[in-house]
Each structure stands twice: as C-alpha cells, then as structure tokens.
Amino acid sequence: MKIPKTIKTSVTEKGEEMGEGIKVWDNCQILEGAEIGKNCTIGHNCFISSKAKLGNGVKIESNTDVWDYVTLENYVFVGPSAVFTNDKNPRAKYPKAKFPQYGKWLPTLVKEGVTIGANATVVCGNTIGKWAMIGAGAVVAGNVPDYAIVVGVPAKIIGWVCECGNKLEFEGEESVCKICKRKYKKSGDKVSEIK
C-alpha cells in the first residue's frame, strides 16, 4: 500500500497489514505484524503493537496505544488517551517472555461498534460486547454485555444503548429506539436486537 502523506512523521515497519483507505496522523508507530483493516483512522501520537488487530472502519483518537493481544472489531471508536493493558501482574524484573512461570499476557476483545470514551482504561482478559458504550474515565475490569452503557471506577452498567448511539428506555422487556426505530429485547443483563 502507498503510505498516505498524513504519516510523514509516523513510523511503519515492513510486514504490517494495512487495508485501503486508512488515515494515520503524525507521530504514530505501527509495528511489523499489526493488522489494520480498511478505512481506519489512527489519530496522532498512537502506537499499534505487532500483535494488535483492528477491523474495518476503526477510529482511534490521539494518544492511544493498542498493545499485543488487543483486538478491535469493525467500527470500534476509541476516544483520546484511552488505555489498554495486556498484563495483569507486570514486573520489570520478570518479563513474561523470559519468565512464563509468573503468568502470561491476556487478550482483550472489543466487539463490533463499541465506543470507548476518553481516558477510559480497559483491563486485559475481558470482552466488551458489541455496540456497548464505555463512559469517559471508566475503568473496565470485567466483561461488558452487548449494548450496555458502563461508567465509573470500576465500570458499572447504568443503562442500554442502541446501535445508532441513542439511549434505550425499556418498558418491561422490550424497547424501540426513538431515533432509528430498531427494536430490542432485554432479559436480565442481556440485550439483543429483534430482527
């Protein structure tokens, strides 16, 4: 792929897989082995590690690092200065590659359409369900269900959100989005779209 003019001051290595239509802004580094889908935007001062995977249409705002074993599925939005981790018990003296007996790196899966607010932290080893919305500054320390809105430290569910981004109001077990008219059903902490 031809490197866009927008990444003159960014560093990419041979071997990264980048799809068509990507935009990478100044002062970024993308390591060999990283997978980046089509039509992604990577804001300035970002780092994409060698075992990171970005789907199509992902948008990462400035000052965000996507480390090894973090997967962002299609159309994930990551706000500025969000943080991902991949090690629950890091020690400078005992790196996991050299001392595997002390633990391992843990993957994080961020499913399709998720929005992660500015300065949020996503602790490794968890899955964020599709179209969920993570509030600014939240610390996600567990799995997040599909369509959930979570905020706080640690992040807790405060509501539910439509694929279009509008908050859902449930009357009983069903809700219709006031904007796009998609229909949803809810059972406990599980929300799914009615097709």
N, C-alpha and C. Protein backbone atom coordinates (compact mmCIF):
# COMPACT_ATOMS: atom_id res chain seq x y z
N MET A 1 0.83 -1.18 0.00
CA MET A 1 0.00 0.00 0.00
C MET A 1 0.88 1.24 0.00
N LYS A 2 0.47 2.26 -0.70
CA LYS A 2 1.19 3.53 -0.71
C LYS A 2 0.91 4.25 0.61
N ILE A 3 1.97 4.74 1.26
CA ILE A 3 1.81 5.41 2.55
C ILE A 3 1.20 6.79 2.31
N PRO A 4 0.08 7.11 3.00
CA PRO A 4 -0.54 8.42 2.81
C PRO A 4 0.38 9.55 3.27
N LYS A 5 0.20 10.73 2.71
CA LYS A 5 1.01 11.89 3.09
C LYS A 5 0.86 12.22 4.57
N THR A 6 -0.26 11.86 5.17
CA THR A 6 -0.50 12.23 6.56
C THR A 6 0.45 11.55 7.54
N ILE A 7 1.21 10.54 7.11
CA ILE A 7 2.08 9.87 8.07
C ILE A 7 3.56 10.11 7.80
N LYS A 8 3.90 11.27 7.28
CA LYS A 8 5.30 11.60 7.06
C LYS A 8 6.15 11.45 8.32
N THR A 9 5.60 11.85 9.47
CA THR A 9 6.36 11.79 10.71
C THR A 9 6.02 10.54 11.53
N SER A 10 5.31 9.60 10.94
CA SER A 10 4.99 8.36 11.62
C SER A 10 5.93 7.27 11.13
N VAL A 11 6.02 6.19 11.92
CA VAL A 11 6.91 5.09 11.58
C VAL A 11 6.08 3.84 11.36
N THR A 12 6.21 3.24 10.18
CA THR A 12 5.60 1.94 9.94
C THR A 12 6.72 0.99 9.55
N GLU A 13 6.55 -0.27 9.89
CA GLU A 13 7.56 -1.27 9.58
C GLU A 13 7.05 -2.18 8.48
N LYS A 14 7.97 -2.78 7.74
CA LYS A 14 7.57 -3.76 6.74
C LYS A 14 6.86 -4.91 7.44
N GLY A 15 5.81 -5.39 6.84
CA GLY A 15 5.14 -6.56 7.39
C GLY A 15 3.83 -6.25 8.08
N GLU A 16 3.53 -4.99 8.35
CA GLU A 16 2.21 -4.69 8.90
C GLU A 16 1.20 -4.85 7.78
N GLU A 17 0.01 -5.27 8.12
CA GLU A 17 -1.03 -5.45 7.11
C GLU A 17 -2.04 -4.32 7.24
N MET A 18 -2.03 -3.39 6.28
CA MET A 18 -2.94 -2.26 6.33
C MET A 18 -3.86 -2.29 5.13
N GLY A 19 -5.16 -2.13 5.40
CA GLY A 19 -6.15 -2.11 4.34
C GLY A 19 -6.20 -0.78 3.62
N GLU A 20 -7.03 -0.72 2.60
CA GLU A 20 -7.18 0.50 1.80
C GLU A 20 -7.90 1.58 2.60
N GLY A 21 -7.61 2.81 2.25
CA GLY A 21 -8.34 3.94 2.80
C GLY A 21 -8.02 4.30 4.24
N ILE A 22 -6.89 3.85 4.76
CA ILE A 22 -6.58 4.20 6.15
C ILE A 22 -5.93 5.58 6.21
N LYS A 23 -6.13 6.22 7.35
CA LYS A 23 -5.52 7.52 7.61
C LYS A 23 -4.74 7.39 8.91
N VAL A 24 -3.46 7.73 8.86
CA VAL A 24 -2.61 7.68 10.04
C VAL A 24 -2.01 9.06 10.21
N TRP A 25 -2.25 9.70 11.36
CA TRP A 25 -1.79 11.06 11.58
C TRP A 25 -0.38 11.07 12.16
N ASP A 26 0.13 12.24 12.43
CA ASP A 26 1.53 12.44 12.82
C ASP A 26 1.92 11.69 14.10
N ASN A 27 3.21 11.36 14.15
CA ASN A 27 3.87 10.81 15.34
C ASN A 27 3.28 9.49 15.81
N CYS A 28 2.93 8.63 14.87
CA CYS A 28 2.43 7.30 15.21
C CYS A 28 3.51 6.27 14.92
N GLN A 29 3.38 5.11 15.56
CA GLN A 29 4.25 3.99 15.26
C GLN A 29 3.40 2.74 15.12
N ILE A 30 3.57 2.06 14.00
CA ILE A 30 2.85 0.82 13.73
C ILE A 30 3.89 -0.27 13.52
N LEU A 31 3.86 -1.29 14.38
CA LEU A 31 4.89 -2.33 14.34
C LEU A 31 4.57 -3.43 13.33
N GLU A 32 5.63 -4.08 12.88
CA GLU A 32 5.52 -5.21 11.98
C GLU A 32 4.62 -6.28 12.59
N GLY A 33 3.70 -6.79 11.81
CA GLY A 33 2.77 -7.82 12.28
C GLY A 33 1.40 -7.29 12.63
N ALA A 34 1.28 -5.98 12.87
CA ALA A 34 -0.02 -5.40 13.19
C ALA A 34 -0.97 -5.59 12.01
N GLU A 35 -2.25 -5.84 12.33
CA GLU A 35 -3.27 -6.00 11.29
C GLU A 35 -4.26 -4.84 11.40
N ILE A 36 -4.40 -4.09 10.32
CA ILE A 36 -5.29 -2.94 10.30
C ILE A 36 -6.19 -3.05 9.08
N GLY A 37 -7.50 -3.06 9.32
CA GLY A 37 -8.46 -3.21 8.23
C GLY A 37 -8.63 -1.96 7.40
N LYS A 38 -9.61 -1.99 6.51
CA LYS A 38 -9.89 -0.89 5.60
C LYS A 38 -10.54 0.29 6.32
N ASN A 39 -10.27 1.49 5.78
CA ASN A 39 -10.95 2.72 6.19
C ASN A 39 -10.83 3.02 7.69
N CYS A 40 -9.67 2.73 8.26
CA CYS A 40 -9.41 3.06 9.65
C CYS A 40 -8.76 4.43 9.76
N THR A 41 -8.96 5.09 10.89
CA THR A 41 -8.31 6.37 11.18
C THR A 41 -7.57 6.22 12.50
N ILE A 42 -6.28 6.55 12.48
CA ILE A 42 -5.45 6.47 13.68
C ILE A 42 -4.93 7.87 13.96
N GLY A 43 -5.37 8.45 15.06
CA GLY A 43 -5.02 9.83 15.42
C GLY A 43 -3.55 9.97 15.77
N HIS A 44 -3.10 11.21 15.97
CA HIS A 44 -1.67 11.45 16.23
C HIS A 44 -1.24 10.88 17.59
N ASN A 45 0.05 10.57 17.67
CA ASN A 45 0.68 10.04 18.88
C ASN A 45 0.11 8.68 19.30
N CYS A 46 -0.20 7.83 18.36
CA CYS A 46 -0.70 6.49 18.68
C CYS A 46 0.37 5.44 18.38
N PHE A 47 0.25 4.31 19.07
CA PHE A 47 1.15 3.18 18.89
C PHE A 47 0.29 1.94 18.68
N ILE A 48 0.58 1.18 17.62
CA ILE A 48 -0.13 -0.06 17.33
C ILE A 48 0.90 -1.18 17.36
N SER A 49 0.77 -2.08 18.31
CA SER A 49 1.76 -3.13 18.53
C SER A 49 1.65 -4.26 17.50
N SER A 50 2.66 -5.12 17.48
CA SER A 50 2.79 -6.13 16.43
C SER A 50 1.71 -7.20 16.42
N LYS A 51 1.08 -7.46 17.58
CA LYS A 51 0.04 -8.50 17.64
C LYS A 51 -1.33 -7.89 17.87
N ALA A 52 -1.48 -6.60 17.60
CA ALA A 52 -2.78 -5.93 17.69
C ALA A 52 -3.55 -6.16 16.40
N LYS A 53 -4.88 -6.21 16.51
CA LYS A 53 -5.73 -6.40 15.34
C LYS A 53 -6.84 -5.37 15.34
N LEU A 54 -6.95 -4.64 14.24
CA LEU A 54 -8.00 -3.65 14.06
C LEU A 54 -8.84 -4.06 12.86
N GLY A 55 -10.15 -4.09 13.04
CA GLY A 55 -11.05 -4.43 11.94
C GLY A 55 -11.24 -3.25 11.01
N ASN A 56 -12.26 -3.30 10.18
CA ASN A 56 -12.57 -2.23 9.24
C ASN A 56 -13.28 -1.08 9.94
N GLY A 57 -13.00 0.15 9.50
CA GLY A 57 -13.72 1.31 9.98
C GLY A 57 -13.44 1.69 11.42
N VAL A 58 -12.34 1.21 11.99
CA VAL A 58 -11.98 1.55 13.37
C VAL A 58 -11.45 2.98 13.41
N LYS A 59 -11.84 3.72 14.44
CA LYS A 59 -11.34 5.08 14.63
C LYS A 59 -10.70 5.18 16.01
N ILE A 60 -9.40 5.48 16.02
CA ILE A 60 -8.66 5.63 17.28
C ILE A 60 -8.22 7.08 17.39
N GLU A 61 -8.67 7.75 18.43
CA GLU A 61 -8.30 9.14 18.65
C GLU A 61 -6.87 9.23 19.21
N SER A 62 -6.38 10.42 19.36
CA SER A 62 -4.98 10.69 19.71
C SER A 62 -4.55 10.10 21.05
N ASN A 63 -3.25 9.84 21.14
CA ASN A 63 -2.58 9.44 22.39
C ASN A 63 -3.08 8.10 22.93
N THR A 64 -3.33 7.15 22.05
CA THR A 64 -3.80 5.84 22.46
C THR A 64 -2.86 4.77 21.95
N ASP A 65 -2.51 3.82 22.82
CA ASP A 65 -1.67 2.68 22.45
C ASP A 65 -2.51 1.42 22.42
N VAL A 66 -2.40 0.66 21.35
CA VAL A 66 -3.11 -0.61 21.23
C VAL A 66 -2.05 -1.70 21.28
N TRP A 67 -1.99 -2.41 22.39
CA TRP A 67 -0.92 -3.36 22.67
C TRP A 67 -1.20 -4.74 22.08
N ASP A 68 -0.19 -5.62 22.17
CA ASP A 68 -0.34 -7.00 21.73
C ASP A 68 -1.56 -7.64 22.39
N TYR A 69 -2.24 -8.46 21.62
CA TYR A 69 -3.39 -9.26 22.05
C TYR A 69 -4.66 -8.44 22.27
N VAL A 70 -4.67 -7.20 21.81
CA VAL A 70 -5.90 -6.40 21.83
C VAL A 70 -6.50 -6.47 20.43
N THR A 71 -7.77 -6.87 20.36
CA THR A 71 -8.50 -6.94 19.10
C THR A 71 -9.65 -5.96 19.13
N LEU A 72 -9.69 -5.07 18.16
CA LEU A 72 -10.79 -4.13 17.99
C LEU A 72 -11.53 -4.54 16.73
N GLU A 73 -12.74 -5.03 16.87
CA GLU A 73 -13.51 -5.47 15.71
C GLU A 73 -13.98 -4.25 14.90
N ASN A 74 -14.74 -4.50 13.85
CA ASN A 74 -15.19 -3.45 12.93
C ASN A 74 -15.92 -2.31 13.65
N TYR A 75 -15.65 -1.09 13.21
CA TYR A 75 -16.35 0.13 13.61
C TYR A 75 -16.23 0.46 15.11
N VAL A 76 -15.16 0.05 15.74
CA VAL A 76 -14.91 0.45 17.12
C VAL A 76 -14.39 1.88 17.12
N PHE A 77 -14.89 2.69 18.06
CA PHE A 77 -14.41 4.06 18.26
C PHE A 77 -13.69 4.10 19.60
N VAL A 78 -12.44 4.59 19.59
CA VAL A 78 -11.66 4.71 20.81
C VAL A 78 -11.33 6.18 21.02
N GLY A 79 -11.81 6.75 22.12
CA GLY A 79 -11.60 8.15 22.42
C GLY A 79 -10.16 8.45 22.78
N PRO A 80 -9.80 9.74 22.84
CA PRO A 80 -8.42 10.14 23.11
C PRO A 80 -7.91 9.65 24.47
N SER A 81 -6.66 9.23 24.46
CA SER A 81 -5.95 8.83 25.67
C SER A 81 -6.57 7.64 26.39
N ALA A 82 -7.30 6.80 25.66
CA ALA A 82 -7.79 5.56 26.26
C ALA A 82 -6.60 4.63 26.48
N VAL A 83 -6.76 3.70 27.43
CA VAL A 83 -5.66 2.81 27.80
C VAL A 83 -6.12 1.36 27.71
N PHE A 84 -5.29 0.55 27.05
CA PHE A 84 -5.48 -0.90 27.03
C PHE A 84 -4.31 -1.54 27.77
N THR A 85 -4.55 -2.65 28.44
CA THR A 85 -3.45 -3.39 29.07
C THR A 85 -3.42 -4.79 28.50
N ASN A 86 -2.32 -5.51 28.74
CA ASN A 86 -2.25 -6.92 28.32
C ASN A 86 -1.56 -7.79 29.36
N ASP A 87 -1.34 -7.25 30.56
CA ASP A 87 -0.63 -7.98 31.61
C ASP A 87 -1.20 -7.56 32.96
N LYS A 88 -1.79 -8.53 33.70
CA LYS A 88 -2.40 -8.20 34.99
C LYS A 88 -1.41 -8.11 36.14
N ASN A 89 -0.24 -8.69 35.97
CA ASN A 89 0.75 -8.63 37.06
C ASN A 89 2.15 -8.33 36.50
N PRO A 90 2.32 -7.17 35.86
CA PRO A 90 3.60 -6.86 35.24
C PRO A 90 4.71 -6.61 36.26
N ARG A 91 5.90 -7.10 35.94
CA ARG A 91 7.09 -6.84 36.74
C ARG A 91 8.23 -6.54 35.78
N ALA A 92 8.90 -5.42 35.96
CA ALA A 92 10.01 -5.06 35.09
C ALA A 92 11.13 -6.10 35.15
N LYS A 93 11.36 -6.66 36.33
CA LYS A 93 12.44 -7.63 36.51
C LYS A 93 12.09 -9.00 35.92
N TYR A 94 10.79 -9.29 35.79
CA TYR A 94 10.37 -10.62 35.34
C TYR A 94 9.44 -10.53 34.12
N PRO A 95 9.97 -10.16 32.96
CA PRO A 95 9.12 -10.06 31.77
C PRO A 95 8.54 -11.43 31.39
N LYS A 96 7.31 -11.42 30.92
CA LYS A 96 6.59 -12.67 30.62
C LYS A 96 7.31 -13.55 29.60
N ALA A 97 7.96 -12.94 28.59
CA ALA A 97 8.64 -13.74 27.57
C ALA A 97 9.78 -14.56 28.17
N LYS A 98 10.44 -14.03 29.16
CA LYS A 98 11.58 -14.71 29.78
C LYS A 98 11.18 -15.56 30.98
N PHE A 99 10.10 -15.19 31.65
CA PHE A 99 9.65 -15.89 32.86
C PHE A 99 8.18 -16.28 32.75
N PRO A 100 7.84 -17.20 31.85
CA PRO A 100 6.42 -17.54 31.65
C PRO A 100 5.78 -18.18 32.89
N GLN A 101 6.57 -18.70 33.80
CA GLN A 101 6.02 -19.30 35.01
C GLN A 101 5.32 -18.28 35.91
N TYR A 102 5.57 -16.99 35.68
CA TYR A 102 4.96 -15.95 36.51
C TYR A 102 3.67 -15.40 35.92
N GLY A 103 3.19 -15.98 34.87
CA GLY A 103 1.94 -15.52 34.27
C GLY A 103 2.06 -15.37 32.78
N LYS A 104 1.01 -14.85 32.18
CA LYS A 104 1.01 -14.66 30.73
C LYS A 104 0.25 -13.40 30.36
N TRP A 105 0.50 -12.94 29.14
CA TRP A 105 -0.27 -11.82 28.61
C TRP A 105 -1.69 -12.29 28.35
N LEU A 106 -2.64 -11.41 28.56
CA LEU A 106 -4.04 -11.77 28.40
C LEU A 106 -4.68 -10.96 27.27
N PRO A 107 -5.50 -11.60 26.45
CA PRO A 107 -6.13 -10.90 25.34
C PRO A 107 -7.32 -10.04 25.79
N THR A 108 -7.64 -9.06 25.00
CA THR A 108 -8.83 -8.24 25.18
C THR A 108 -9.56 -8.21 23.85
N LEU A 109 -10.86 -8.46 23.90
CA LEU A 109 -11.68 -8.42 22.69
C LEU A 109 -12.70 -7.30 22.82
N VAL A 110 -12.67 -6.37 21.88
CA VAL A 110 -13.64 -5.28 21.82
C VAL A 110 -14.47 -5.53 20.57
N LYS A 111 -15.72 -5.89 20.78
CA LYS A 111 -16.56 -6.32 19.67
C LYS A 111 -17.09 -5.16 18.82
N GLU A 112 -17.73 -5.51 17.73
CA GLU A 112 -18.18 -4.56 16.72
C GLU A 112 -18.95 -3.38 17.30
N GLY A 113 -18.60 -2.17 16.82
CA GLY A 113 -19.38 -0.98 17.10
C GLY A 113 -19.21 -0.35 18.46
N VAL A 114 -18.34 -0.88 19.30
CA VAL A 114 -18.16 -0.36 20.66
C VAL A 114 -17.61 1.07 20.61
N THR A 115 -18.04 1.90 21.56
CA THR A 115 -17.48 3.22 21.77
C THR A 115 -16.78 3.23 23.12
N ILE A 116 -15.51 3.64 23.14
CA ILE A 116 -14.75 3.76 24.38
C ILE A 116 -14.44 5.23 24.58
N GLY A 117 -14.89 5.81 25.68
CA GLY A 117 -14.74 7.23 25.94
C GLY A 117 -13.31 7.63 26.27
N ALA A 118 -13.06 8.93 26.21
CA ALA A 118 -11.74 9.49 26.50
C ALA A 118 -11.25 9.08 27.89
N ASN A 119 -9.97 8.75 27.97
CA ASN A 119 -9.31 8.41 29.23
C ASN A 119 -9.84 7.16 29.92
N ALA A 120 -10.64 6.35 29.24
CA ALA A 120 -11.10 5.09 29.82
C ALA A 120 -9.94 4.10 29.82
N THR A 121 -9.98 3.17 30.76
CA THR A 121 -8.99 2.10 30.84
C THR A 121 -9.70 0.76 30.71
N VAL A 122 -9.17 -0.10 29.82
CA VAL A 122 -9.73 -1.43 29.63
C VAL A 122 -8.68 -2.43 30.12
N VAL A 123 -8.98 -3.08 31.24
CA VAL A 123 -8.07 -4.06 31.81
C VAL A 123 -8.14 -5.34 30.99
N CYS A 124 -7.00 -5.96 30.76
CA CYS A 124 -6.90 -7.12 29.88
C CYS A 124 -7.68 -8.33 30.41
N GLY A 125 -7.92 -9.26 29.50
CA GLY A 125 -8.59 -10.50 29.85
C GLY A 125 -10.10 -10.42 29.78
N ASN A 126 -10.64 -9.34 29.25
CA ASN A 126 -12.08 -9.13 29.22
C ASN A 126 -12.59 -8.93 27.80
N THR A 127 -13.91 -9.05 27.67
CA THR A 127 -14.59 -8.83 26.40
C THR A 127 -15.60 -7.72 26.57
N ILE A 128 -15.59 -6.77 25.64
CA ILE A 128 -16.62 -5.72 25.62
C ILE A 128 -17.57 -6.08 24.49
N GLY A 129 -18.84 -6.28 24.85
CA GLY A 129 -19.84 -6.73 23.89
C GLY A 129 -20.17 -5.70 22.82
N LYS A 130 -20.74 -6.17 21.73
CA LYS A 130 -21.00 -5.32 20.57
C LYS A 130 -21.91 -4.14 20.91
N TRP A 131 -21.56 -3.01 20.31
CA TRP A 131 -22.30 -1.75 20.40
C TRP A 131 -22.41 -1.20 21.82
N ALA A 132 -21.60 -1.72 22.75
CA ALA A 132 -21.57 -1.17 24.11
C ALA A 132 -20.95 0.21 24.09
N MET A 133 -21.18 0.98 25.15
CA MET A 133 -20.63 2.33 25.27
C MET A 133 -19.95 2.46 26.63
N ILE A 134 -18.64 2.77 26.59
CA ILE A 134 -17.85 2.91 27.80
C ILE A 134 -17.67 4.41 28.07
N GLY A 135 -18.08 4.88 29.24
CA GLY A 135 -18.01 6.30 29.56
C GLY A 135 -16.58 6.79 29.73
N ALA A 136 -16.39 8.09 29.54
CA ALA A 136 -15.08 8.71 29.71
C ALA A 136 -14.56 8.47 31.12
N GLY A 137 -13.30 8.07 31.21
CA GLY A 137 -12.66 7.86 32.51
C GLY A 137 -13.02 6.56 33.20
N ALA A 138 -13.86 5.74 32.61
CA ALA A 138 -14.26 4.47 33.24
C ALA A 138 -13.08 3.51 33.29
N VAL A 139 -13.12 2.59 34.26
CA VAL A 139 -12.13 1.52 34.33
C VAL A 139 -12.89 0.20 34.17
N VAL A 140 -12.71 -0.42 33.01
CA VAL A 140 -13.39 -1.68 32.70
C VAL A 140 -12.54 -2.83 33.22
N ALA A 141 -13.03 -3.47 34.30
CA ALA A 141 -12.27 -4.54 34.94
C ALA A 141 -12.96 -5.89 34.80
N GLY A 142 -14.01 -5.97 33.98
CA GLY A 142 -14.73 -7.21 33.76
C GLY A 142 -15.39 -7.18 32.39
N ASN A 143 -16.08 -8.25 32.05
CA ASN A 143 -16.77 -8.31 30.77
C ASN A 143 -17.94 -7.32 30.76
N VAL A 144 -18.23 -6.78 29.57
CA VAL A 144 -19.33 -5.83 29.39
C VAL A 144 -20.30 -6.45 28.39
N PRO A 145 -21.60 -6.54 28.74
CA PRO A 145 -22.56 -7.14 27.80
C PRO A 145 -22.81 -6.27 26.56
N ASP A 146 -23.34 -6.90 25.52
CA ASP A 146 -23.75 -6.18 24.31
C ASP A 146 -24.70 -5.04 24.69
N TYR A 147 -24.54 -3.90 24.04
CA TYR A 147 -25.43 -2.74 24.15
C TYR A 147 -25.44 -2.06 25.52
N ALA A 148 -24.55 -2.45 26.43
CA ALA A 148 -24.54 -1.84 27.77
C ALA A 148 -23.85 -0.48 27.75
N ILE A 149 -24.31 0.42 28.61
CA ILE A 149 -23.62 1.67 28.90
C ILE A 149 -22.98 1.48 30.27
N VAL A 150 -21.65 1.64 30.34
CA VAL A 150 -20.97 1.48 31.62
C VAL A 150 -20.16 2.73 31.93
N VAL A 151 -20.14 3.11 33.21
CA VAL A 151 -19.37 4.27 33.66
C VAL A 151 -18.79 3.96 35.04
N GLY A 152 -17.78 4.74 35.44
CA GLY A 152 -17.28 4.67 36.80
C GLY A 152 -16.03 3.84 36.97
N VAL A 153 -15.60 3.78 38.25
CA VAL A 153 -14.40 3.05 38.64
C VAL A 153 -14.74 2.17 39.83
N PRO A 154 -14.87 0.85 39.67
CA PRO A 154 -14.86 0.14 38.39
C PRO A 154 -16.15 0.40 37.63
N ALA A 155 -16.12 0.16 36.32
CA ALA A 155 -17.27 0.43 35.46
C ALA A 155 -18.47 -0.44 35.84
N LYS A 156 -19.63 0.20 35.91
CA LYS A 156 -20.89 -0.48 36.22
C LYS A 156 -21.92 -0.11 35.16
N ILE A 157 -22.86 -1.02 34.91
CA ILE A 157 -23.92 -0.78 33.94
C ILE A 157 -24.89 0.26 34.49
N ILE A 158 -25.15 1.31 33.67
CA ILE A 158 -26.14 2.32 34.08
C ILE A 158 -27.30 2.40 33.09
N GLY A 159 -27.21 1.64 32.01
CA GLY A 159 -28.28 1.67 31.01
C GLY A 159 -27.89 0.90 29.78
N TRP A 160 -28.67 1.15 28.72
CA TRP A 160 -28.51 0.39 27.48
C TRP A 160 -28.57 1.36 26.31
N VAL A 161 -27.90 0.98 25.21
CA VAL A 161 -27.76 1.90 24.08
C VAL A 161 -28.03 1.16 22.77
N CYS A 162 -28.67 1.86 21.86
CA CYS A 162 -28.95 1.32 20.52
C CYS A 162 -27.68 1.32 19.68
N GLU A 163 -27.69 0.55 18.63
CA GLU A 163 -26.58 0.55 17.67
C GLU A 163 -26.30 1.96 17.15
N CYS A 164 -27.32 2.80 17.02
CA CYS A 164 -27.14 4.15 16.49
C CYS A 164 -26.57 5.12 17.53
N GLY A 165 -26.49 4.70 18.81
CA GLY A 165 -25.92 5.55 19.85
C GLY A 165 -26.94 6.21 20.74
N ASN A 166 -28.22 6.04 20.48
CA ASN A 166 -29.29 6.61 21.30
C ASN A 166 -29.55 5.71 22.51
N LYS A 167 -29.75 6.33 23.68
CA LYS A 167 -30.05 5.56 24.89
C LYS A 167 -31.41 4.87 24.74
N LEU A 168 -31.46 3.60 25.16
CA LEU A 168 -32.70 2.83 25.10
C LEU A 168 -33.45 2.93 26.42
N GLU A 169 -34.76 3.05 26.34
CA GLU A 169 -35.63 3.04 27.52
C GLU A 169 -36.51 1.79 27.42
N PHE A 170 -36.34 0.89 28.37
CA PHE A 170 -37.12 -0.35 28.34
C PHE A 170 -38.40 -0.20 29.14
N GLU A 171 -39.51 -0.60 28.52
CA GLU A 171 -40.78 -0.75 29.22
C GLU A 171 -41.03 -2.24 29.27
N GLY A 172 -40.80 -2.82 30.41
CA GLY A 172 -40.83 -4.28 30.51
C GLY A 172 -39.59 -4.85 29.87
N GLU A 173 -39.79 -5.79 28.96
CA GLU A 173 -38.65 -6.47 28.35
C GLU A 173 -38.31 -5.97 26.95
N GLU A 174 -39.02 -4.96 26.43
CA GLU A 174 -38.77 -4.51 25.07
C GLU A 174 -38.56 -3.00 24.99
N SER A 175 -37.82 -2.59 23.95
CA SER A 175 -37.56 -1.17 23.71
C SER A 175 -37.48 -0.93 22.21
N VAL A 176 -37.94 0.26 21.79
CA VAL A 176 -37.81 0.69 20.40
C VAL A 176 -37.00 1.99 20.43
N CYS A 177 -35.94 2.05 19.65
CA CYS A 177 -35.11 3.25 19.60
C CYS A 177 -35.95 4.41 19.06
N LYS A 178 -35.90 5.55 19.75
CA LYS A 178 -36.67 6.72 19.33
C LYS A 178 -36.12 7.35 18.06
N ILE A 179 -34.87 7.06 17.72
CA ILE A 179 -34.24 7.67 16.55
C ILE A 179 -34.35 6.78 15.31
N CYS A 180 -33.80 5.56 15.41
CA CYS A 180 -33.71 4.71 14.21
C CYS A 180 -34.79 3.62 14.15
N LYS A 181 -35.54 3.48 15.24
CA LYS A 181 -36.67 2.53 15.32
C LYS A 181 -36.25 1.05 15.39
N ARG A 182 -34.95 0.77 15.65
CA ARG A 182 -34.58 -0.63 15.89
C ARG A 182 -35.27 -1.11 17.16
N LYS A 183 -35.57 -2.42 17.21
CA LYS A 183 -36.28 -3.00 18.36
C LYS A 183 -35.34 -3.92 19.12
N TYR A 184 -35.47 -3.92 20.44
CA TYR A 184 -34.61 -4.72 21.31
C TYR A 184 -35.43 -5.42 22.38
N LYS A 185 -34.89 -6.55 22.84
CA LYS A 185 -35.49 -7.23 23.99
C LYS A 185 -34.41 -7.40 25.05
N LYS A 186 -34.84 -7.42 26.32
CA LYS A 186 -33.91 -7.49 27.45
C LYS A 186 -34.34 -8.59 28.38
N SER A 187 -33.36 -9.38 28.80
CA SER A 187 -33.58 -10.41 29.80
C SER A 187 -32.40 -10.38 30.77
N GLY A 188 -32.61 -9.86 31.97
CA GLY A 188 -31.52 -9.67 32.92
C GLY A 188 -30.53 -8.68 32.39
N ASP A 189 -29.26 -9.09 32.31
CA ASP A 189 -28.21 -8.23 31.76
C ASP A 189 -27.89 -8.59 30.31
N LYS A 190 -28.87 -9.12 29.60
CA LYS A 190 -28.67 -9.47 28.20
C LYS A 190 -29.68 -8.73 27.35
N VAL A 191 -29.14 -7.95 26.39
CA VAL A 191 -29.97 -7.22 25.44
C VAL A 191 -29.63 -7.71 24.05
N SER A 192 -30.67 -7.92 23.23
CA SER A 192 -30.43 -8.33 21.85
C SER A 192 -31.44 -7.63 20.94
N GLU A 193 -31.01 -7.43 19.71
CA GLU A 193 -31.89 -6.78 18.74
C GLU A 193 -32.92 -7.77 18.25
N ILE A 194 -34.14 -7.29 18.08
CA ILE A 194 -35.22 -8.09 17.48
C ILE A 194 -35.20 -7.82 16.00
N LYS A 195 -34.94 -8.84 15.21
CA LYS A 195 -34.85 -8.66 13.75
C LYS A 195 -36.20 -8.84 13.10
